[in-house]
Amino acid sequence: MVQAVGGSIQATCSDILREHLGTCATFEERQIGGERYNIFEGCPKAKTCTLLLRGGAEQFMEEVERSLHDAIMVVKRTVKSGEVVAGGGAIEMELSAHVRKHALSIPGKLQLIHAAFAKALEIIPRQICDNAGLDSTGILNKLRMRHAKGETWAGVDVDGPEGVRNNMDAFVWEPSLVKVNAISSAAEAASLILSIDETVKNPQSEAPKSGPKAPRGTAQRALRGRGMRGR
């Protein structure tokens, strides 16, 4: 708040000069719901703002807060990286086309690995189609055809009747840094799983623990003691 209004924190009310005070266009105390808030508007050095979220249920409020936080983080990463790619599965289909084309020039079994990686990239646009209730097989065929013709930013259109459009022109963007991190993390996780050739299990640890065995003759001594107390 001090940085926004351009003032400075004072430990005492004496010897306060004009340059110690901050300014703002308007200040008011406003009742919002069951709480009262101090509203500062028109702060000369403000770089942040406060968002008030209101809703009928706590679960709804938490979901809105998560969605808003995700949107802010996407914008933050976009501003930091300065590079964007088309979303809606466009970049995944373009990478899949490049990897599949490169796989044709590789002899041996390594070609199958590249082809499988290219097919795995198509899961993103396929899942988008399934979530939107679209024909994923037909739309993926259209996307393959368009990317083969050189339409780099052709992606899934969940609103239009055709199901395919240029998502860069439609302002469906994603930070390139997010895509790089997602693909590299997925490749590293797959390589780690494939490197596991054997799983070792300990059969004794899976058996229920019954505790240590009692010494021999414990039951007879207990029954004999009960008989003596009965007499």
Protein backbone atom coordinates (compact mmCIF):
# COMPACT_ATOMS: atom_id res chain seq x y z
CA MET A 1 0.00 0.00 0.00
CA VAL A 2 2.85 2.40 0.84
CA GLN A 3 4.50 1.76 -2.52
CA ALA A 4 1.22 2.23 -4.37
CA VAL A 5 0.43 5.65 -2.91
CA GLY A 6 4.07 6.79 -2.96
CA GLY A 7 4.44 7.38 0.77
CA SER A 8 6.77 6.05 3.47
CA ILE A 9 6.22 4.26 6.77
CA GLN A 10 6.54 6.50 9.86
CA ALA A 11 7.16 5.30 13.40
CA THR A 12 5.74 8.49 14.96
CA CYS A 13 3.22 11.19 14.11
CA SER A 14 5.64 14.02 14.85
CA ASP A 15 7.83 15.71 12.23
CA ILE A 16 5.81 14.38 9.28
CA LEU A 17 6.71 16.21 6.09
CA ARG A 18 4.76 16.45 2.87
CA GLU A 19 7.13 14.08 1.02
CA HIS A 20 6.36 11.42 3.60
CA LEU A 21 2.69 11.31 2.62
CA GLY A 22 1.16 9.33 -0.19
CA THR A 23 -1.70 10.32 -2.49
CA CYS A 24 -4.54 8.67 -4.35
CA ALA A 25 -7.45 9.91 -6.46
CA THR A 26 -10.24 8.59 -4.24
CA PHE A 27 -10.48 6.72 -0.94
CA GLU A 28 -13.64 5.25 0.54
CA GLU A 29 -14.78 2.58 2.95
CA ARG A 30 -17.22 0.31 1.14
CA GLN A 31 -19.52 -2.44 2.42
CA ILE A 32 -19.21 -5.60 0.28
CA GLY A 33 -21.23 -8.53 1.56
CA GLY A 34 -20.61 -8.95 5.27
CA GLU A 35 -17.22 -7.21 5.26
CA ARG A 36 -16.07 -3.59 5.01
CA TYR A 37 -13.11 -2.71 2.79
CA ASN A 38 -10.92 0.36 2.32
CA ILE A 39 -10.87 1.15 -1.40
CA PHE A 40 -7.90 3.11 -2.82
CA GLU A 41 -8.36 4.23 -6.43
CA GLY A 42 -6.06 6.20 -8.69
CA CYS A 43 -2.80 5.40 -6.87
CA PRO A 44 0.10 7.02 -8.78
CA LYS A 45 2.60 4.15 -8.32
CA ALA A 46 0.26 1.17 -8.16
CA LYS A 47 1.55 -2.01 -9.83
CA THR A 48 -0.89 -4.47 -8.24
CA CYS A 49 -4.61 -4.69 -7.59
CA THR A 50 -6.99 -6.64 -5.38
CA LEU A 51 -9.63 -8.96 -6.82
CA LEU A 52 -12.76 -9.66 -4.76
CA LEU A 53 -14.38 -13.00 -5.54
CA ARG A 54 -17.96 -13.57 -4.47
CA GLY A 55 -20.13 -16.65 -4.83
CA GLY A 56 -22.86 -18.69 -3.27
CA ALA A 57 -20.77 -21.67 -2.12
CA GLU A 58 -17.26 -22.15 -0.75
CA GLN A 59 -16.52 -24.87 -3.30
CA PHE A 60 -17.47 -22.53 -6.14
CA MET A 61 -15.21 -19.82 -4.74
CA GLU A 62 -12.24 -22.19 -4.50
CA GLU A 63 -12.72 -23.30 -8.10
CA VAL A 64 -12.90 -19.71 -9.33
CA GLU A 65 -9.75 -18.86 -7.37
CA ARG A 66 -7.85 -21.80 -8.91
CA SER A 67 -8.97 -20.87 -12.41
CA LEU A 68 -8.02 -17.24 -11.90
CA HIS A 69 -4.62 -18.22 -10.49
CA ASP A 70 -3.93 -20.48 -13.48
CA ALA A 71 -4.86 -17.70 -15.91
CA ILE A 72 -2.59 -15.20 -14.15
CA MET A 73 0.33 -17.64 -14.14
CA VAL A 74 -0.11 -18.28 -17.88
CA VAL A 75 0.01 -14.54 -18.60
CA LYS A 76 3.04 -14.18 -16.31
CA ARG A 77 4.96 -16.90 -18.14
CA THR A 78 3.97 -15.47 -21.50
CA VAL A 79 5.29 -12.03 -20.55
CA LYS A 80 8.54 -13.52 -19.23
CA SER A 81 9.23 -15.83 -22.17
CA GLY A 82 7.91 -13.50 -24.86
CA GLU A 83 7.03 -16.40 -27.19
CA VAL A 84 3.67 -18.06 -27.81
CA VAL A 85 2.40 -20.93 -29.95
CA ALA A 86 -1.08 -21.78 -31.12
CA GLY A 87 -3.10 -23.91 -28.72
CA GLY A 88 -5.90 -26.35 -29.33
CA GLY A 89 -3.48 -29.13 -30.30
CA ALA A 90 -1.95 -27.15 -33.18
CA ILE A 91 1.65 -27.28 -32.00
CA GLU A 92 1.33 -30.98 -31.07
CA MET A 93 0.06 -31.87 -34.55
CA GLU A 94 2.86 -29.87 -36.18
CA LEU A 95 5.50 -31.60 -34.05
CA SER A 96 3.90 -34.96 -34.77
CA ALA A 97 4.08 -34.31 -38.50
CA HIS A 98 7.78 -33.36 -38.28
CA VAL A 99 8.68 -36.40 -36.14
CA ARG A 100 6.70 -38.78 -38.40
CA LYS A 101 8.40 -37.35 -41.50
CA HIS A 102 11.82 -37.70 -39.88
CA ALA A 103 11.02 -41.28 -38.86
CA LEU A 104 10.73 -42.29 -42.52
CA SER A 105 14.42 -41.50 -43.01
CA ILE A 106 15.57 -43.76 -40.13
CA PRO A 107 16.23 -47.46 -40.85
CA GLY A 108 15.68 -50.27 -38.37
CA LYS A 109 13.61 -50.47 -35.20
CA LEU A 110 14.44 -46.90 -34.23
CA GLN A 111 11.89 -45.81 -36.83
CA LEU A 112 9.13 -47.45 -34.77
CA ILE A 113 10.18 -45.49 -31.68
CA HIS A 114 9.96 -42.18 -33.56
CA ALA A 115 6.58 -43.15 -35.02
CA ALA A 116 5.26 -44.04 -31.56
CA PHE A 117 6.46 -40.68 -30.20
CA ALA A 118 4.69 -38.89 -33.07
CA LYS A 119 1.49 -40.81 -32.32
CA ALA A 120 1.73 -39.94 -28.62
CA LEU A 121 1.78 -36.22 -29.46
CA GLU A 122 -1.66 -36.59 -31.07
CA ILE A 123 -3.20 -37.51 -27.71
CA ILE A 124 -3.61 -33.81 -26.80
CA PRO A 125 -5.85 -32.82 -29.76
CA ARG A 126 -7.67 -36.14 -29.50
CA GLN A 127 -8.47 -35.51 -25.84
CA ILE A 128 -9.66 -31.99 -26.65
CA CYS A 129 -12.08 -33.44 -29.20
CA ASP A 130 -13.34 -36.06 -26.73
CA ASN A 131 -13.89 -33.44 -24.01
CA ALA A 132 -15.87 -31.26 -26.44
CA GLY A 133 -17.94 -34.19 -27.73
CA LEU A 134 -16.49 -34.01 -31.25
CA ASP A 135 -15.51 -36.74 -33.71
CA SER A 136 -11.85 -37.11 -32.81
CA THR A 137 -11.01 -39.47 -35.67
CA GLY A 138 -12.43 -37.18 -38.36
CA ILE A 139 -10.90 -34.01 -36.91
CA LEU A 140 -7.46 -35.60 -36.54
CA ASN A 141 -7.57 -36.66 -40.18
CA LYS A 142 -8.38 -33.07 -41.17
CA LEU A 143 -5.53 -31.76 -39.01
CA ARG A 144 -3.05 -34.22 -40.55
CA MET A 145 -4.10 -33.09 -44.02
CA ARG A 146 -3.78 -29.39 -43.19
CA HIS A 147 -0.41 -29.76 -41.53
CA ALA A 148 0.81 -31.77 -44.51
CA LYS A 149 -0.14 -28.77 -46.67
CA GLY A 150 1.93 -26.43 -44.49
CA GLU A 151 -0.77 -24.95 -42.23
CA THR A 152 1.38 -24.77 -39.10
CA TRP A 153 -1.21 -23.35 -36.69
CA ALA A 154 -4.21 -25.52 -37.65
CA GLY A 155 -5.84 -26.78 -34.46
CA VAL A 156 -9.10 -27.98 -32.94
CA ASP A 157 -12.08 -25.62 -33.05
CA VAL A 158 -14.64 -26.59 -30.40
CA ASP A 159 -17.08 -23.83 -31.44
CA GLY A 160 -17.21 -23.94 -35.24
CA PRO A 161 -19.07 -26.52 -37.36
CA GLU A 162 -15.93 -27.68 -39.19
CA GLY A 163 -13.97 -28.44 -36.03
CA VAL A 164 -10.67 -27.11 -37.43
CA ARG A 165 -9.32 -23.56 -37.72
CA ASN A 166 -6.18 -21.42 -37.56
CA ASN A 167 -5.86 -21.00 -33.81
CA MET A 168 -3.14 -18.38 -34.08
CA ASP A 169 -5.56 -16.07 -35.91
CA ALA A 170 -8.31 -17.05 -33.44
CA PHE A 171 -6.12 -15.88 -30.51
CA VAL A 172 -5.91 -19.34 -28.97
CA TRP A 173 -2.36 -19.01 -27.65
CA GLU A 174 -0.17 -20.82 -25.17
CA PRO A 175 3.30 -19.91 -23.85
CA SER A 176 6.02 -21.83 -25.67
CA LEU A 177 7.81 -22.35 -22.35
CA VAL A 178 4.86 -24.37 -21.02
CA LYS A 179 4.90 -26.66 -24.07
CA VAL A 180 8.66 -27.19 -23.87
CA ASN A 181 8.46 -28.12 -20.18
CA ALA A 182 5.46 -30.41 -20.69
CA ILE A 183 6.98 -32.37 -23.58
CA SER A 184 10.42 -32.67 -21.96
CA SER A 185 8.91 -33.81 -18.63
CA ALA A 186 6.72 -36.40 -20.37
CA ALA A 187 9.69 -37.74 -22.37
CA GLU A 188 11.84 -38.00 -19.24
CA ALA A 189 9.07 -39.80 -17.33
CA ALA A 190 8.56 -42.29 -20.18
CA SER A 191 12.32 -42.94 -20.42
CA LEU A 192 12.49 -43.52 -16.66
CA ILE A 193 9.64 -46.05 -16.78
CA LEU A 194 11.15 -47.88 -19.76
CA SER A 195 14.50 -48.12 -17.97
CA ILE A 196 12.93 -50.30 -15.23
CA ASP A 197 13.53 -53.92 -16.33
CA GLU A 198 12.53 -55.76 -13.15
CA THR A 199 10.49 -55.17 -10.01
CA VAL A 200 11.65 -56.84 -6.79
CA LYS A 201 9.07 -57.67 -4.13
CA ASN A 202 9.53 -58.87 -0.58
CA PRO A 203 6.93 -61.60 0.14
CA GLN A 204 7.39 -61.35 3.91
CA SER A 205 6.49 -57.67 3.98
CA GLU A 206 3.13 -58.42 2.30
CA ALA A 207 2.14 -61.04 4.93
CA PRO A 208 0.04 -59.77 7.89
CA LYS A 209 2.06 -59.12 11.01
CA SER A 210 0.81 -61.41 13.81
CA GLY A 211 3.43 -60.43 16.40
CA PRO A 212 5.90 -62.66 18.29
CA LYS A 213 4.85 -66.15 19.30
CA ALA A 214 4.02 -66.86 22.95
CA PRO A 215 6.27 -69.30 24.91
CA ARG A 216 5.19 -72.91 25.10
CA GLY A 217 2.86 -73.75 28.01
CA THR A 218 1.46 -70.23 28.35
CA ALA A 219 -2.14 -71.31 27.60
CA GLN A 220 -2.03 -74.22 30.10
CA ARG A 221 -0.72 -71.98 32.86
CA ALA A 222 -3.44 -69.41 32.15
CA LEU A 223 -6.21 -72.05 32.32
CA ARG A 224 -4.72 -73.54 35.50
CA GLY A 225 -4.71 -70.09 37.13
CA ARG A 226 -8.39 -69.55 36.27
CA GLY A 227 -9.28 -72.90 37.86
CA MET A 228 -7.53 -72.04 41.08
CA ARG A 229 -9.34 -68.69 41.32
CA GLY A 230 -12.68 -70.51 40.76
CA ARG A 231 -12.07 -72.77 43.70
